[in-house]
Protein backbone atom coordinates (compact mmCIF):
# COMPACT_ATOMS: atom_id res chain seq x y z
CA MET A 1 167.15 127.24 156.20
CA ILE A 2 164.51 124.95 154.61
CA TRP A 3 162.77 124.49 158.06
CA THR A 4 162.82 128.48 158.61
CA LYS A 5 160.98 128.79 155.34
CA LYS A 6 158.58 126.16 156.05
CA LEU A 7 157.62 127.62 159.50
CA ARG A 8 157.33 130.99 157.73
CA ASN A 9 154.78 129.59 155.10
CA ASN A 10 152.78 127.82 157.94
CA ALA A 11 152.75 131.08 160.01
CA LEU A 12 151.42 132.84 156.90
CA MET A 13 148.70 130.32 156.26
CA LEU A 14 147.50 130.22 159.83
CA LEU A 15 147.28 134.01 159.91
CA SER A 16 145.12 133.97 156.61
CA ALA A 17 142.72 131.49 157.99
CA VAL A 18 142.26 133.62 161.17
CA LEU A 19 141.58 136.67 159.27
CA LEU A 20 139.03 134.94 157.00
CA ALA A 21 137.28 133.66 159.99
CA LEU A 22 137.19 137.15 161.57
CA THR A 23 135.67 138.74 158.58
CA GLY A 24 133.06 136.00 158.12
CA TRP A 25 134.15 134.71 154.82
CA SER A 26 134.80 131.15 153.84
CA ALA A 27 135.53 129.12 150.69
CA ASP A 28 132.15 127.91 150.14
CA MET A 29 130.46 131.38 150.31
CA PRO A 30 129.49 133.11 147.34
CA ARG A 31 131.97 135.87 146.12
CA ALA A 32 131.12 139.05 144.69
CA GLY A 33 129.65 138.93 141.10
CA ALA A 34 129.08 135.08 141.57
CA ALA A 35 125.84 133.75 140.03
CA GLN A 36 122.93 133.63 142.58
CA ALA A 37 120.64 130.64 142.74
CA PRO A 38 117.18 131.48 141.09
CA VAL A 39 114.47 132.42 143.41
CA CYS A 40 111.59 129.91 142.86
CA GLY A 41 108.16 131.18 142.11
CA THR A 42 104.96 130.25 143.82
CA GLY A 43 101.34 130.33 142.94
CA ASP A 44 100.48 130.91 139.20
CA HIS A 45 104.19 132.40 138.68
CA GLY A 46 102.58 135.45 137.13
CA LEU A 47 101.37 133.35 133.99
CA LEU A 48 98.19 133.67 131.88
CA GLN A 49 96.79 136.63 134.02
CA LYS A 50 94.39 137.88 131.12
CA LEU A 51 93.05 134.27 130.56
CA GLN A 52 92.53 133.70 134.37
CA GLN A 53 90.72 136.94 134.45
CA LYS A 54 88.52 136.10 131.50
CA HIS A 55 87.45 132.81 133.15
CA THR A 56 86.91 134.40 136.36
CA ASN A 57 84.63 137.16 135.02
CA ALA A 58 82.83 135.20 132.45
CA ASP A 59 80.51 132.17 132.77
CA GLU A 60 83.03 129.63 132.00
CA SER A 61 84.97 127.00 133.95
CA PRO A 62 88.17 128.40 135.86
CA LEU A 63 91.47 127.54 134.33
CA ALA A 64 92.35 123.89 135.21
CA PHE A 65 94.88 121.03 134.24
CA SER A 66 93.35 118.22 132.34
CA ASP A 67 96.68 116.37 131.75
CA ILE A 68 100.36 116.45 132.43
CA GLN A 69 103.49 114.72 131.05
CA PHE A 70 106.97 114.78 132.13
CA LEU A 71 109.99 113.73 130.45
CA GLY A 72 112.28 113.76 133.58
CA ALA A 73 112.17 115.06 137.09
CA LYS A 74 112.64 118.65 135.78
CA THR A 75 111.17 118.77 132.37
CA GLY A 76 107.62 118.59 131.66
CA ARG A 77 104.33 120.18 130.69
CA GLY A 78 100.75 120.84 132.31
CA ALA A 79 97.81 121.65 129.88
CA GLY A 80 94.35 122.29 130.15
CA ASN A 81 91.24 124.70 128.97
CA GLY A 82 93.02 126.91 126.34
CA PHE A 83 96.55 126.71 127.72
CA MET A 84 99.88 124.76 128.07
CA ILE A 85 102.70 125.65 130.56
CA GLY A 86 106.13 124.08 131.05
CA THR A 87 109.03 124.02 133.36
CA SER A 88 112.72 122.78 132.82
CA ASP A 89 113.93 123.00 136.29
CA GLY A 90 111.52 120.86 138.30
CA GLY A 91 108.92 123.65 138.92
CA CYS A 92 111.29 126.40 140.16
CA THR A 93 110.06 128.37 137.38
CA PHE A 94 107.30 128.04 134.65
CA GLN A 95 106.82 129.42 131.25
CA THR A 96 103.71 129.80 128.98
CA ILE A 97 104.15 127.54 126.11
CA TYR A 98 100.59 127.83 124.39
CA GLU A 99 97.62 130.09 124.81
CA GLY A 100 94.67 129.88 122.17
CA GLN A 101 91.75 128.02 121.05
CA TRP A 102 92.61 124.47 121.92
CA SER A 103 91.37 122.81 124.96
CA PHE A 104 93.44 119.81 125.71
CA ARG A 105 92.30 116.35 126.75
CA GLN A 106 95.44 114.39 126.65
CA ILE A 107 98.91 115.33 125.72
CA ASP A 108 101.95 113.15 124.61
CA PHE A 109 105.57 114.03 123.97
CA PRO A 110 107.95 111.42 123.06
CA ASP A 111 110.73 114.22 123.24
CA ASN A 112 111.01 117.83 123.93
CA VAL A 113 110.22 119.02 120.55
CA TYR A 114 107.68 116.80 118.99
CA GLY A 115 104.22 116.35 120.46
CA TRP A 116 100.60 115.21 119.97
CA ALA A 117 97.47 115.93 121.58
CA LEU A 118 93.57 115.04 121.79
CA ALA A 119 91.97 118.44 122.04
CA SER A 120 88.67 120.30 121.64
CA VAL A 121 87.94 123.76 120.23
CA GLN A 122 87.23 125.74 123.22
CA ASN A 123 84.15 124.15 125.07
CA GLY A 124 83.22 121.90 122.10
CA GLN A 125 82.47 118.10 122.60
CA SER A 126 84.37 116.70 119.48
CA ALA A 127 88.14 115.77 119.90
CA TYR A 128 90.71 116.48 117.30
CA LEU A 129 94.24 114.99 116.91
CA ILE A 130 96.67 117.93 116.70
CA ARG A 131 100.49 117.83 116.44
CA THR A 132 103.29 120.27 117.32
CA THR A 133 106.92 120.45 116.04
CA ASP A 134 108.14 123.19 118.14
CA GLY A 135 107.31 122.07 121.82
CA GLY A 136 104.01 123.01 121.94
CA SER A 137 103.70 126.59 120.90
CA HIS A 138 101.96 125.94 117.59
CA TRP A 139 99.73 123.21 116.85
CA LYS A 140 98.29 121.68 113.52
CA ARG A 141 95.15 119.87 113.02
CA LEU A 142 95.88 116.28 111.59
CA SER A 143 92.49 114.98 111.44
CA SER A 144 90.12 116.36 108.69
CA GLY A 145 87.14 115.71 111.36
CA PRO A 146 86.67 114.63 114.78
CA VAL A 147 88.30 111.45 116.07
CA THR A 148 86.99 108.57 118.25
CA PHE A 149 90.36 108.23 119.96
CA THR A 150 90.37 108.29 123.77
CA LYS A 151 94.19 107.69 124.29
CA ILE A 152 97.20 108.17 122.18
CA ASP A 153 100.76 106.89 122.65
CA PHE A 154 103.65 107.89 120.37
CA LEU A 155 106.99 105.89 120.74
CA ASP A 156 108.89 108.29 118.62
CA ARG A 157 108.36 111.12 115.91
CA GLN A 158 106.98 108.77 113.53
CA HIS A 159 105.46 105.61 115.09
CA GLY A 160 102.41 105.65 117.66
CA PHE A 161 99.33 104.04 118.63
CA ALA A 162 95.76 105.40 119.34
CA TYR A 163 92.99 103.74 121.21
CA ASP A 164 89.06 103.86 121.76
CA ARG A 165 87.20 101.38 123.84
CA ALA A 166 86.96 98.95 121.15
CA PHE A 167 89.92 99.17 118.87
CA ALA A 168 93.27 100.18 118.48
CA TYR A 169 95.37 102.06 115.69
CA TYR A 170 98.79 102.41 114.39
CA THR A 171 100.73 105.08 112.56
CA ALA A 172 104.14 105.12 110.96
CA ASP A 173 104.13 108.61 109.60
CA GLY A 174 103.53 110.92 112.60
CA GLY A 175 99.75 110.66 112.82
CA GLU A 176 98.88 111.60 109.05
CA SER A 177 97.49 108.30 108.56
CA TRP A 178 96.25 105.32 110.65
CA SER A 179 95.62 101.74 110.12
CA ARG A 180 93.42 99.76 112.43
CA ILE A 181 94.99 96.70 114.46
CA PRO A 182 92.87 93.68 114.64
CA THR A 183 91.48 93.24 118.21
CA PRO A 184 89.54 90.32 119.59
CA ALA A 185 85.48 90.56 119.75
CA ASN A 186 84.05 92.49 122.60
CA THR A 187 87.53 94.48 123.44
CA ARG A 188 87.00 97.18 126.06
CA GLY A 189 90.52 98.33 126.40
CA ALA A 190 93.80 97.59 124.83
CA VAL A 191 97.53 98.61 124.87
CA PHE A 192 100.60 97.92 122.62
CA THR A 193 104.03 98.28 123.35
CA SER A 194 105.28 97.55 119.87
CA ARG A 195 103.65 96.88 116.61
CA SER A 196 103.60 93.22 117.28
CA SER A 197 103.10 92.94 120.96
CA GLY A 198 99.76 93.94 122.49
CA TRP A 199 97.23 93.27 125.38
CA ALA A 200 93.51 93.59 125.40
CA VAL A 201 90.63 93.37 127.97
CA THR A 202 87.70 91.62 126.57
CA VAL A 203 84.17 91.17 128.19
CA ALA A 204 82.29 87.80 128.15
CA PRO A 205 78.53 88.98 128.74
CA GLY A 206 77.27 87.35 131.89
CA GLU A 207 80.66 85.63 132.62
CA GLY A 208 83.22 88.18 133.25
CA TYR A 209 86.45 89.70 132.06
CA ARG A 210 89.19 88.11 129.84
CA ILE A 211 92.84 89.28 129.38
CA ARG A 212 94.45 88.54 126.03
CA ARG A 213 97.62 88.87 124.47
CA THR A 214 99.15 89.10 120.85
CA SER A 215 102.65 88.58 119.90
CA ASP A 216 101.94 88.83 115.95
CA GLY A 217 100.35 92.26 115.70
CA GLY A 218 96.67 91.18 116.26
CA LYS A 219 96.58 88.22 113.90
CA SER A 220 96.11 85.92 116.96
CA TRP A 221 95.35 86.41 120.69
CA SER A 222 95.89 84.03 123.56
CA LEU A 223 94.02 83.91 126.75
CA GLN A 224 96.07 85.12 129.87
CA LEU A 225 93.58 85.52 132.40
CA LYS A 226 89.99 85.07 133.35
CA SER A 227 88.02 87.21 136.06
CA ALA A 228 84.36 86.44 136.91
CA PHE A 229 81.88 89.21 136.91
CA SER A 230 78.11 89.40 136.21
CA TYR A 231 78.04 92.78 134.50
CA PRO A 232 81.65 93.37 132.81
CA GLU A 233 81.69 96.91 131.12
CA PHE A 234 85.39 97.97 130.66
CA GLY A 235 88.96 98.02 131.63
CA ASP A 236 92.29 99.79 131.43
CA ILE A 237 95.47 97.77 130.84
CA TYR A 238 99.05 98.75 131.26
CA ALA A 239 102.32 97.22 130.19
CA LYS A 240 106.18 97.97 130.31
CA GLY A 241 108.82 95.36 129.87
CA SER A 242 107.63 92.28 131.81
CA GLN A 243 105.09 94.13 133.95
CA VAL A 244 101.34 94.00 133.10
CA TRP A 245 98.56 95.74 135.21
CA ALA A 246 94.87 95.91 134.48
CA VAL A 247 92.07 97.68 136.22
CA LEU A 248 88.79 95.91 135.73
CA TYR A 249 85.97 97.99 136.67
CA GLY A 250 82.82 96.91 138.66
CA GLY A 251 79.77 99.31 139.07
CA THR A 252 79.38 102.92 139.98
CA GLY A 253 76.91 104.73 142.25
CA MET A 254 76.59 107.41 144.96
CA SER A 255 79.97 108.56 143.87
CA GLN A 256 81.52 105.22 144.55
CA THR A 257 83.37 102.82 141.87
CA SER A 258 84.23 99.17 142.38
CA TYR A 259 87.10 97.74 140.87
CA SER A 260 89.85 95.05 140.97
CA LEU A 261 93.49 95.80 140.15
CA TYR A 262 95.40 92.83 138.65
CA ALA A 263 99.37 92.73 138.19
CA SER A 264 101.57 90.23 136.39
CA PRO A 265 105.33 90.55 137.02
CA ASP A 266 106.26 88.18 134.42
CA GLY A 267 104.56 88.93 131.23
CA GLY A 268 101.32 87.21 131.89
CA GLY A 269 102.81 83.91 133.05
CA SER A 270 101.27 84.46 136.70
CA TRP A 271 98.73 86.96 138.04
CA ARG A 272 97.80 88.48 141.41
CA ARG A 273 94.55 90.33 142.44
CA VAL A 274 96.32 93.18 144.34
CA ILE A 275 93.15 95.19 145.05
CA ALA A 276 89.48 94.24 145.09
CA GLN A 277 87.38 97.37 146.07
CA SER A 278 83.83 96.69 146.69
CA THR A 279 81.57 99.73 147.60
CA ALA A 280 77.91 100.01 148.61
CA GLY A 281 77.00 102.18 145.54
CA GLY A 282 78.92 100.18 142.95
CA GLY A 283 78.57 96.59 144.30
CA PRO A 284 81.10 93.83 144.35
CA ALA A 285 84.56 93.92 142.88
CA PRO A 286 85.25 91.66 139.73
CA GLY A 287 87.10 88.31 140.45
CA SER A 288 87.41 86.24 143.29
CA GLY A 289 89.95 84.42 145.53
CA GLY A 290 93.46 85.59 146.75
CA ASN A 291 94.02 87.84 149.46
CA PRO A 292 93.70 91.39 148.03
CA LEU A 293 93.44 94.66 149.67
CA PRO A 294 89.96 95.61 150.23
CA LYS A 295 90.61 99.26 149.60
CA GLY A 296 92.50 101.29 146.81
CA PRO A 297 94.30 104.55 147.16
CA VAL A 298 92.09 107.05 149.08
CA SER A 299 89.59 104.47 149.01
CA GLY A 300 88.32 106.37 145.76
CA LYS A 301 87.84 105.87 142.12
CA PRO A 302 90.71 104.54 140.11
CA GLY A 303 92.75 107.09 137.75
CA ASN A 304 95.31 106.64 135.47
CA MET A 305 98.41 104.54 136.24
CA GLN A 306 102.18 104.72 135.49
CA LEU A 307 104.81 102.18 135.39
CA ALA A 308 108.28 103.81 135.80
CA GLY A 309 111.66 102.61 137.19
CA GLY A 310 110.42 99.13 137.87
CA ALA A 311 107.51 100.39 140.12
CA ALA A 312 103.82 100.81 139.51
CA PHE A 313 101.62 103.92 140.71
CA LEU A 314 97.92 104.05 140.59
CA LEU A 315 95.97 107.34 141.08
CA GLY A 316 92.84 107.23 143.44
CA TYR A 317 90.35 109.97 143.91
CA SER A 318 87.59 110.45 146.16
CA PRO A 319 85.14 113.50 145.05
CA ALA A 320 82.96 112.98 148.05
CA GLY A 321 86.00 112.70 150.42
CA GLU A 322 87.77 115.47 148.75
CA GLN A 323 91.07 113.51 148.74
CA VAL A 324 93.49 112.42 145.86
CA GLY A 325 96.44 110.20 146.22
CA VAL A 326 98.39 107.26 144.92
CA GLY A 327 99.00 103.58 145.72
CA ARG A 328 102.27 101.90 144.58
CA SER A 329 104.17 98.74 144.31
CA TYR A 330 108.10 98.10 143.83
CA THR A 331 107.43 94.32 143.69
CA GLY A 332 105.35 93.71 140.75
CA GLY A 333 102.30 93.53 142.98
CA ARG A 334 103.58 91.39 145.64
CA GLN A 335 103.34 94.23 148.11
CA TRP A 336 101.16 97.41 147.68
CA SER A 337 101.08 100.62 149.70
CA ASN A 338 98.17 103.12 149.74
CA LEU A 339 99.83 106.57 150.47
CA PRO A 340 98.33 109.66 152.38
CA GLY A 341 96.09 111.76 150.34
CA ILE A 342 95.87 115.57 149.73
CA PRO A 343 92.86 117.62 149.19
CA GLY A 344 91.33 117.47 145.80
CA PHE A 345 88.44 116.20 143.54
CA ASP A 346 90.28 114.49 140.93
CA GLY A 347 93.72 114.36 139.04
CA VAL A 348 96.38 112.87 136.90
CA ILE A 349 99.94 111.52 137.70
CA SER A 350 103.10 111.40 135.64
CA PHE A 351 105.87 109.54 137.14
CA THR A 352 109.42 109.25 135.44
CA GLY A 353 110.98 107.11 138.24
CA ALA A 354 110.40 105.04 141.07
CA LYS A 355 110.74 108.03 143.25
CA GLU A 356 110.21 111.21 141.08
CA GLY A 357 106.91 112.09 139.90
CA TRP A 358 104.10 114.89 139.41
CA LEU A 359 100.46 115.27 140.17
CA ALA A 360 97.78 117.58 138.71
CA VAL A 361 95.02 118.15 141.02
CA ARG A 362 91.64 119.95 140.72
CA GLY A 363 90.43 120.93 144.11
CA PRO A 364 87.52 123.00 145.85
CA GLU A 365 89.47 126.19 145.38
CA GLN A 366 92.15 125.65 142.94
CA SER A 367 93.74 123.52 140.36
CA SER A 368 97.37 122.88 141.07
CA LEU A 369 100.75 121.00 140.10
CA TYR A 370 102.68 118.93 142.79
CA ALA A 371 105.84 117.10 142.74
CA THR A 372 107.21 114.17 144.82
CA GLN A 373 110.70 113.01 145.39
CA ASP A 374 109.68 110.06 147.59
CA GLY A 375 107.38 108.02 145.35
CA GLY A 376 104.08 109.80 146.13
CA PHE A 377 104.21 109.68 149.92
CA THR A 378 104.71 113.34 150.23
CA TRP A 379 103.87 116.08 147.57
CA LYS A 380 105.19 119.61 147.27
CA GLN A 381 102.96 122.22 145.59
CA LYS A 382 104.87 123.81 142.50
CA PHE A 383 101.92 125.78 140.63
CA SER A 384 98.52 126.74 141.52
CA PHE A 385 95.46 128.43 139.55
CA HIS A 386 92.90 129.74 142.02
CA ALA A 387 89.26 128.98 141.18
CA LYS A 388 86.36 131.55 141.41
């Protein structure tokens, strides 16, 4: 009796499977009324049509991205001349966050609600510090007048740093007030990872660059690296965890820039010259010795750098070659790879991990956002404004 019942049940199950196969259904096919995956948009996603038309018809620059920042592989913002847009699904869809008088130069969001920016009014030259408390829809000017800041970096909703070429500044009240942090004489670039710990690039006229470190909030600075160069001007320095990277600039001429990229994987204990790019127009690269690569990404000018997921990424752009791309290291500078470029004049990167990153590019015909899932080896376009 039991065996007969089992045989009958097995027969019914077999018959049901045959019927499902004949009708073309399977367990993983969507049922009627089931939610469908969103259809991803392309191009400009239908955003900012009136503003695009205004910039097309008027004697103004076309809409273009000046900065981007992503908090994760899916959530981030892009901003430019009079606008800010955002995505929360990895670029499948975008929304207009802001449209108005502010032309953004740099944006900085420590979370998805509070943010700061350096921005000018329309096409003005002066930069102002502004803040948002609603994700970027509305902005309040914090500075009574223009600021000299060229870069801002907020750790949270209250604490942050600001920099110009010579000085560093600190705020503990969300940017309402600032105090200057002592930096060495002839500082030409600095970064702080906490109120006490920081790095500075200084110049010794006629001798070269010096990289110095403080662990007491700027009261004292110790020498970490010397790089010989006859005409030192300025550098950019980046630090996260035990990684410290510095871009030291040579000369510029004929749309070419010479530079050296230095890396320390152990908090300044040891240094390696990773790239030493000399050019006909810019002359020799700073420093000597070692076995550096003779060219950086796309053999172009260095852009911004990102340290994320234990990796380091440097943007390179070549206006003459119309190429934009990145170089990267997963080994603290012991190995370096220059990756294939894509068409463009210049750009800015925002990486959130060792593989996930975003790139804003200004090209000959459009300004676009791209995403990568393989550390910058390949890029997929997610958004694009067409130029005039």
